Amino acid sequence: MRWDFWIALGLVAQSLFFSRFLIQWMVSERRGMSVVPPAFWYLSLGGSFLLLAYAVHIKDPIFILGQATGSVVYIRNLVLIARSNAAG
């Protein structure tokens, strides 16, 4: 395997995407209940955008579709969190 910018980007993206589960697990353990903190959605969005860039580079339509549609969910959750914080 040849190591280049795109491989490094893909690895960073996948690491961001994976780290969201670690954050969610740590916060949930600390609170003693299942919690999805805002950091989960920010890491999801960042990882998704970087994975989308990688998917476009490797021209994988299935991967592109999955990452592009997932981003909509992550953005929507961040909007809902922002509205909730502004209201109360």
Foldseek 3Di string as FASTA:
>chain_A
DDDDPLVVLLVVLVVLLVVLVVVQVVVCVVVVHRDRDLSSLVSLLSSLVSQLVSCVVVVPVVSNVVSVVVNVVSVVVVVVVVVVVVVD
